[in-house]
PDB file of N, CA and C in Angstrom:
ATOM      1  N   UNK A   1     -12.106 -28.108 -27.334  1.00  0.00           N
ATOM      2  CA  UNK A   1     -11.143 -27.757 -26.323  1.00  0.00           C
ATOM      3  C   UNK A   1     -11.790 -27.934 -24.953  1.00  0.00           C
ATOM      4  N   UNK A   2     -11.156 -28.688 -24.075  1.00  0.00           N
ATOM      5  CA  UNK A   2     -11.622 -28.872 -22.702  1.00  0.00           C
ATOM      6  C   UNK A   2     -10.856 -27.933 -21.789  1.00  0.00           C
ATOM      7  N   UNK A   3     -11.592 -27.178 -20.987  1.00  0.00           N
ATOM      8  CA  UNK A   3     -10.986 -26.219 -20.070  1.00  0.00           C
ATOM      9  C   UNK A   3     -11.570 -26.450 -18.692  1.00  0.00           C
ATOM     10  N   UNK A   4     -10.703 -26.569 -17.694  1.00  0.00           N
ATOM     11  CA  UNK A   4     -11.125 -26.732 -16.312  1.00  0.00           C
ATOM     12  C   UNK A   4     -10.974 -25.387 -15.612  1.00  0.00           C
ATOM     13  N   UNK A   5     -12.087 -24.903 -15.044  1.00  0.00           N
ATOM     14  CA  UNK A   5     -12.079 -23.597 -14.403  1.00  0.00           C
ATOM     15  C   UNK A   5     -12.669 -23.727 -13.007  1.00  0.00           C
ATOM     16  N   UNK A   6     -12.067 -23.044 -12.056  1.00  0.00           N
ATOM     17  CA  UNK A   6     -12.620 -22.949 -10.712  1.00  0.00           C
ATOM     18  C   UNK A   6     -12.865 -21.479 -10.412  1.00  0.00           C
ATOM     19  N   UNK A   7     -14.035 -21.186  -9.866  1.00  0.00           N
ATOM     20  CA  UNK A   7     -14.385 -19.811  -9.516  1.00  0.00           C
ATOM     21  C   UNK A   7     -14.373 -19.663  -8.003  1.00  0.00           C
ATOM     22  N   UNK A   8     -13.804 -18.579  -7.540  1.00  0.00           N
ATOM     23  CA  UNK A   8     -13.835 -18.234  -6.118  1.00  0.00           C
ATOM     24  C   UNK A   8     -14.356 -16.820  -5.974  1.00  0.00           C
ATOM     25  N   UNK A   9     -15.187 -16.606  -4.989  1.00  0.00           N
ATOM     26  CA  UNK A   9     -15.584 -15.247  -4.647  1.00  0.00           C
ATOM     27  C   UNK A   9     -14.572 -14.743  -3.627  1.00  0.00           C
ATOM     28  N   UNK A  10     -14.097 -13.528  -3.831  1.00  0.00           N
ATOM     29  CA  UNK A  10     -13.024 -12.985  -3.005  1.00  0.00           C
ATOM     30  C   UNK A  10     -13.450 -11.691  -2.334  1.00  0.00           C
ATOM     31  N   UNK A  11     -12.829 -11.422  -1.199  1.00  0.00           N
ATOM     32  CA  UNK A  11     -12.995 -10.159  -0.494  1.00  0.00           C
ATOM     33  C   UNK A  11     -11.630  -9.502  -0.423  1.00  0.00           C
ATOM     34  N   UNK A  12     -11.597  -8.187  -0.648  1.00  0.00           N
ATOM     35  CA  UNK A  12     -10.333  -7.457  -0.554  1.00  0.00           C
ATOM     36  C   UNK A  12     -10.501  -6.305   0.435  1.00  0.00           C
ATOM     37  N   UNK A  13     -10.026  -6.501   1.692  1.00  0.00           N
ATOM     38  CA  UNK A  13     -10.138  -5.441   2.691  1.00  0.00           C
ATOM     39  C   UNK A  13      -9.234  -4.252   2.363  1.00  0.00           C
ATOM     40  N   UNK A  14      -9.316  -3.224   3.168  1.00  0.00           N
ATOM     41  CA  UNK A  14      -8.566  -1.992   2.948  1.00  0.00           C
ATOM     42  C   UNK A  14      -7.058  -2.235   2.874  1.00  0.00           C
ATOM     43  N   UNK A  15      -6.543  -3.228   3.618  1.00  0.00           N
ATOM     44  CA  UNK A  15      -5.087  -3.472   3.615  1.00  0.00           C
ATOM     45  C   UNK A  15      -4.586  -4.082   2.306  1.00  0.00           C
ATOM     46  N   UNK A  16      -5.501  -4.436   1.389  1.00  0.00           N
ATOM     47  CA  UNK A  16      -5.113  -4.945   0.076  1.00  0.00           C
ATOM     48  C   UNK A  16      -4.987  -6.450  -0.006  1.00  0.00           C
ATOM     49  N   UNK A  17      -5.000  -7.141   1.131  1.00  0.00           N
ATOM     50  CA  UNK A  17      -4.924  -8.599   1.083  1.00  0.00           C
ATOM     51  C   UNK A  17      -6.175  -9.150   0.398  1.00  0.00           C
ATOM     52  N   UNK A  18      -6.118 -10.391   0.007  1.00  0.00           N
ATOM     53  CA  UNK A  18      -7.242 -11.027  -0.693  1.00  0.00           C
ATOM     54  C   UNK A  18      -7.647 -12.255   0.102  1.00  0.00           C
ATOM     55  N   UNK A  19      -8.941 -12.360   0.411  1.00  0.00           N
ATOM     56  CA  UNK A  19      -9.436 -13.456   1.235  1.00  0.00           C
ATOM     57  C   UNK A  19     -10.530 -14.191   0.473  1.00  0.00           C
ATOM     58  N   UNK A  20     -10.332 -15.492   0.216  1.00  0.00           N
ATOM     59  CA  UNK A  20     -11.395 -16.267  -0.421  1.00  0.00           C
ATOM     60  C   UNK A  20     -12.583 -16.396   0.536  1.00  0.00           C
ATOM     61  N   UNK A  21     -13.778 -16.073   0.055  1.00  0.00           N
ATOM     62  CA  UNK A  21     -14.974 -16.188   0.902  1.00  0.00           C
ATOM     63  C   UNK A  21     -15.149 -17.630   1.357  1.00  0.00           C
ATOM     64  N   UNK A  22     -15.404 -17.798   2.637  1.00  0.00           N
ATOM     65  CA  UNK A  22     -15.566 -19.129   3.210  1.00  0.00           C
ATOM     66  C   UNK A  22     -14.267 -19.750   3.656  1.00  0.00           C
ATOM     67  N   UNK A  23     -13.148 -19.127   3.353  1.00  0.00           N
ATOM     68  CA  UNK A  23     -11.831 -19.630   3.756  1.00  0.00           C
ATOM     69  C   UNK A  23     -11.043 -18.507   4.420  1.00  0.00           C
ATOM     70  N   UNK A  24     -11.607 -17.928   5.459  1.00  0.00           N
ATOM     71  CA  UNK A  24     -10.989 -16.751   6.067  1.00  0.00           C
ATOM     72  C   UNK A  24      -9.613 -17.021   6.653  1.00  0.00           C
ATOM     73  N   UNK A  25      -9.277 -18.288   6.874  1.00  0.00           N
ATOM     74  CA  UNK A  25      -7.940 -18.601   7.388  1.00  0.00           C
ATOM     75  C   UNK A  25      -6.860 -18.518   6.292  1.00  0.00           C
ATOM     76  N   UNK A  26      -7.287 -18.451   5.044  1.00  0.00           N
ATOM     77  CA  UNK A  26      -6.358 -18.345   3.914  1.00  0.00           C
ATOM     78  C   UNK A  26      -6.314 -16.910   3.424  1.00  0.00           C
ATOM     79  N   UNK A  27      -5.317 -16.171   3.789  1.00  0.00           N
ATOM     80  CA  UNK A  27      -5.175 -14.790   3.345  1.00  0.00           C
ATOM     81  C   UNK A  27      -4.073 -14.739   2.298  1.00  0.00           C
ATOM     82  N   UNK A  28      -4.406 -14.222   1.131  1.00  0.00           N
ATOM     83  CA  UNK A  28      -3.436 -14.121   0.051  1.00  0.00           C
ATOM     84  C   UNK A  28      -2.838 -12.726   0.017  1.00  0.00           C
ATOM     85  N   UNK A  29      -1.650 -12.646  -0.531  1.00  0.00           N
ATOM     86  CA  UNK A  29      -0.994 -11.349  -0.710  1.00  0.00           C
ATOM     87  C   UNK A  29      -1.785 -10.509  -1.696  1.00  0.00           C
ATOM     88  N   UNK A  30      -1.583  -9.196  -1.629  1.00  0.00           N
ATOM     89  CA  UNK A  30      -2.326  -8.277  -2.500  1.00  0.00           C
ATOM     90  C   UNK A  30      -1.995  -8.480  -3.976  1.00  0.00           C
ATOM     91  N   UNK A  31      -0.844  -9.093  -4.281  1.00  0.00           N
ATOM     92  CA  UNK A  31      -0.467  -9.328  -5.681  1.00  0.00           C
ATOM     93  C   UNK A  31      -0.809 -10.746  -6.150  1.00  0.00           C
ATOM     94  N   UNK A  32      -1.706 -11.416  -5.429  1.00  0.00           N
ATOM     95  CA  UNK A  32      -2.067 -12.793  -5.781  1.00  0.00           C
ATOM     96  C   UNK A  32      -2.790 -12.884  -7.120  1.00  0.00           C
ATOM     97  N   UNK A  33      -3.526 -11.829  -7.478  1.00  0.00           N
ATOM     98  CA  UNK A  33      -4.226 -11.815  -8.759  1.00  0.00           C
ATOM     99  C   UNK A  33      -3.415 -11.031  -9.780  1.00  0.00           C
ATOM    100  N   UNK A  34      -3.428 -11.502 -11.016  1.00  0.00           N
ATOM    101  CA  UNK A  34      -2.760 -10.753 -12.074  1.00  0.00           C
ATOM    102  C   UNK A  34      -3.483  -9.426 -12.279  1.00  0.00           C
ATOM    103  N   UNK A  35      -2.781  -8.429 -12.755  1.00  0.00           N
ATOM    104  CA  UNK A  35      -3.347  -7.078 -12.839  1.00  0.00           C
ATOM    105  C   UNK A  35      -4.349  -6.900 -13.978  1.00  0.00           C
ATOM    106  N   UNK A  36      -4.384  -7.816 -14.915  1.00  0.00           N
ATOM    107  CA  UNK A  36      -5.356  -7.692 -16.002  1.00  0.00           C
ATOM    108  C   UNK A  36      -6.307  -8.874 -15.994  1.00  0.00           C
ATOM    109  N   UNK A  37      -7.491  -8.659 -16.513  1.00  0.00           N
ATOM    110  CA  UNK A  37      -8.473  -9.738 -16.558  1.00  0.00           C
ATOM    111  C   UNK A  37      -8.328 -10.519 -17.867  1.00  0.00           C
ATOM    112  N   UNK A  38      -8.847 -11.733 -17.848  1.00  0.00           N
ATOM    113  CA  UNK A  38      -8.852 -12.597 -19.025  1.00  0.00           C
ATOM    114  C   UNK A  38     -10.290 -12.951 -19.344  1.00  0.00           C
ATOM    115  N   UNK A  39     -10.551 -13.294 -20.595  1.00  0.00           N
ATOM    116  CA  UNK A  39     -11.907 -13.589 -21.025  1.00  0.00           C
ATOM    117  C   UNK A  39     -11.966 -14.972 -21.654  1.00  0.00           C
ATOM    118  N   UNK A  40     -13.015 -15.714 -21.315  1.00  0.00           N
ATOM    119  CA  UNK A  40     -13.262 -17.025 -21.900  1.00  0.00           C
ATOM    120  C   UNK A  40     -14.749 -17.117 -22.197  1.00  0.00           C
ATOM    121  N   UNK A  41     -15.087 -17.273 -23.453  1.00  0.00           N
ATOM    122  CA  UNK A  41     -16.488 -17.354 -23.887  1.00  0.00           C
ATOM    123  C   UNK A  41     -17.331 -16.212 -23.318  1.00  0.00           C
ATOM    124  N   UNK A  42     -16.792 -15.007 -23.348  1.00  0.00           N
ATOM    125  CA  UNK A  42     -17.532 -13.832 -22.918  1.00  0.00           C
ATOM    126  C   UNK A  42     -17.543 -13.571 -21.423  1.00  0.00           C
ATOM    127  N   UNK A  43     -16.913 -14.451 -20.645  1.00  0.00           N
ATOM    128  CA  UNK A  43     -16.835 -14.247 -19.199  1.00  0.00           C
ATOM    129  C   UNK A  43     -15.456 -13.694 -18.879  1.00  0.00           C
ATOM    130  N   UNK A  44     -15.427 -12.531 -18.241  1.00  0.00           N
ATOM    131  CA  UNK A  44     -14.174 -11.877 -17.898  1.00  0.00           C
ATOM    132  C   UNK A  44     -13.876 -12.076 -16.424  1.00  0.00           C
ATOM    133  N   UNK A  45     -12.614 -12.417 -16.102  1.00  0.00           N
ATOM    134  CA  UNK A  45     -12.244 -12.658 -14.705  1.00  0.00           C
ATOM    135  C   UNK A  45     -10.757 -12.407 -14.510  1.00  0.00           C
ATOM    136  N   UNK A  46     -10.406 -12.098 -13.275  1.00  0.00           N
ATOM    137  CA  UNK A  46      -9.003 -12.011 -12.898  1.00  0.00           C
ATOM    138  C   UNK A  46      -8.540 -13.397 -12.480  1.00  0.00           C
ATOM    139  N   UNK A  47      -7.297 -13.703 -12.721  1.00  0.00           N
ATOM    140  CA  UNK A  47      -6.776 -15.035 -12.420  1.00  0.00           C
ATOM    141  C   UNK A  47      -5.622 -14.941 -11.425  1.00  0.00           C
ATOM    142  N   UNK A  48      -5.404 -16.049 -10.729  1.00  0.00           N
ATOM    143  CA  UNK A  48      -4.294 -16.108  -9.782  1.00  0.00           C
ATOM    144  C   UNK A  48      -2.966 -16.085 -10.521  1.00  0.00           C
ATOM    145  N   UNK A  49      -1.991 -15.449  -9.912  1.00  0.00           N
ATOM    146  CA  UNK A  49      -0.650 -15.425 -10.497  1.00  0.00           C
ATOM    147  C   UNK A  49      -0.037 -16.820 -10.379  1.00  0.00           C
ATOM    148  N   UNK A  50       0.887 -17.168 -11.265  1.00  0.00           N
ATOM    149  CA  UNK A  50       1.532 -18.481 -11.180  1.00  0.00           C
ATOM    150  C   UNK A  50       2.208 -18.720  -9.829  1.00  0.00           C
ATOM    151  N   UNK A  51       2.802 -17.693  -9.254  1.00  0.00           N
ATOM    152  CA  UNK A  51       3.458 -17.845  -7.954  1.00  0.00           C
ATOM    153  C   UNK A  51       2.431 -18.214  -6.883  1.00  0.00           C
ATOM    154  N   UNK A  52       1.289 -17.548  -6.895  1.00  0.00           N
ATOM    155  CA  UNK A  52       0.262 -17.850  -5.900  1.00  0.00           C
ATOM    156  C   UNK A  52      -0.327 -19.244  -6.123  1.00  0.00           C
ATOM    157  N   UNK A  53      -0.469 -19.656  -7.373  1.00  0.00           N
ATOM    158  CA  UNK A  53      -0.952 -21.018  -7.652  1.00  0.00           C
ATOM    159  C   UNK A  53      -0.019 -22.064  -7.055  1.00  0.00           C
ATOM    160  N   UNK A  54       1.282 -21.863  -7.195  1.00  0.00           N
ATOM    161  CA  UNK A  54       2.256 -22.802  -6.620  1.00  0.00           C
ATOM    162  C   UNK A  54       2.186 -22.809  -5.095  1.00  0.00           C
ATOM    163  N   UNK A  55       2.044 -21.643  -4.492  1.00  0.00           N
ATOM    164  CA  UNK A  55       1.934 -21.566  -3.037  1.00  0.00           C
ATOM    165  C   UNK A  55       0.682 -22.288  -2.554  1.00  0.00           C
ATOM    166  N   UNK A  56      -0.428 -22.097  -3.240  1.00  0.00           N
ATOM    167  CA  UNK A  56      -1.669 -22.776  -2.866  1.00  0.00           C
ATOM    168  C   UNK A  56      -1.524 -24.289  -2.982  1.00  0.00           C
ATOM    169  N   UNK A  57      -0.849 -24.740  -4.025  1.00  0.00           N
ATOM    170  CA  UNK A  57      -0.624 -26.179  -4.202  1.00  0.00           C
ATOM    171  C   UNK A  57       0.192 -26.740  -3.046  1.00  0.00           C
ATOM    172  N   UNK A  58       1.237 -26.030  -2.650  1.00  0.00           N
ATOM    173  CA  UNK A  58       2.071 -26.481  -1.531  1.00  0.00           C
ATOM    174  C   UNK A  58       1.284 -26.535  -0.232  1.00  0.00           C
ATOM    175  N   UNK A  59       0.475 -25.511   0.039  1.00  0.00           N
ATOM    176  CA  UNK A  59      -0.343 -25.486   1.256  1.00  0.00           C
ATOM    177  C   UNK A  59      -1.331 -26.644   1.239  1.00  0.00           C
ATOM    178  N   UNK A  60      -1.957 -26.887   0.091  1.00  0.00           N
ATOM    179  CA  UNK A  60      -2.930 -27.977  -0.038  1.00  0.00           C
ATOM    180  C   UNK A  60      -2.256 -29.335   0.200  1.00  0.00           C
ATOM    181  N   UNK A  61      -1.084 -29.535  -0.393  1.00  0.00           N
ATOM    182  CA  UNK A  61      -0.379 -30.807  -0.228  1.00  0.00           C
ATOM    183  C   UNK A  61       0.063 -31.018   1.217  1.00  0.00           C
ATOM    184  N   UNK A  62       0.494 -29.971   1.895  1.00  0.00           N
ATOM    185  CA  UNK A  62       0.885 -30.082   3.303  1.00  0.00           C
ATOM    186  C   UNK A  62      -0.324 -30.436   4.156  1.00  0.00           C
ATOM    187  N   UNK A  63      -1.462 -29.832   3.858  1.00  0.00           N
ATOM    188  CA  UNK A  63      -2.680 -30.132   4.615  1.00  0.00           C
ATOM    189  C   UNK A  63      -3.101 -31.585   4.409  1.00  0.00           C
ATOM    190  N   UNK A  64      -2.928 -32.106   3.210  1.00  0.00           N
ATOM    191  CA  UNK A  64      -3.270 -33.501   2.929  1.00  0.00           C
ATOM    192  C   UNK A  64      -2.415 -34.441   3.764  1.00  0.00           C
ATOM    193  N   UNK A  65      -1.155 -34.109   3.972  1.00  0.00           N
ATOM    194  CA  UNK A  65      -0.253 -34.955   4.754  1.00  0.00           C
ATOM    195  C   UNK A  65      -0.661 -35.010   6.232  1.00  0.00           C
ATOM    196  N   UNK A  66      -1.308 -33.957   6.695  1.00  0.00           N
ATOM    197  CA  UNK A  66      -1.722 -33.902   8.099  1.00  0.00           C
ATOM    198  C   UNK A  66      -2.948 -34.754   8.360  1.00  0.00           C
ATOM    199  N   UNK A  67      -3.726 -35.042   7.325  1.00  0.00           N
ATOM    200  CA  UNK A  67      -4.982 -35.773   7.530  1.00  0.00           C
ATOM    201  C   UNK A  67      -4.948 -37.131   6.967  1.00  0.00           C
TER     202      UNK A  67
END
């Protein structure tokens, strides 16, 4: 089984928003991560919600059009 995984280190300030480290201009909503963690080969992590994944894709595609 081939699995593609991307890891991001995140910061969550007091207001609950989620900020990817190194990308401070990208602030995610507090519900961007699913409430439960998932495990793959013994590594446990929280994952982005499907809605947030779609929003990130749209932002990325718009940025590509600008450059």
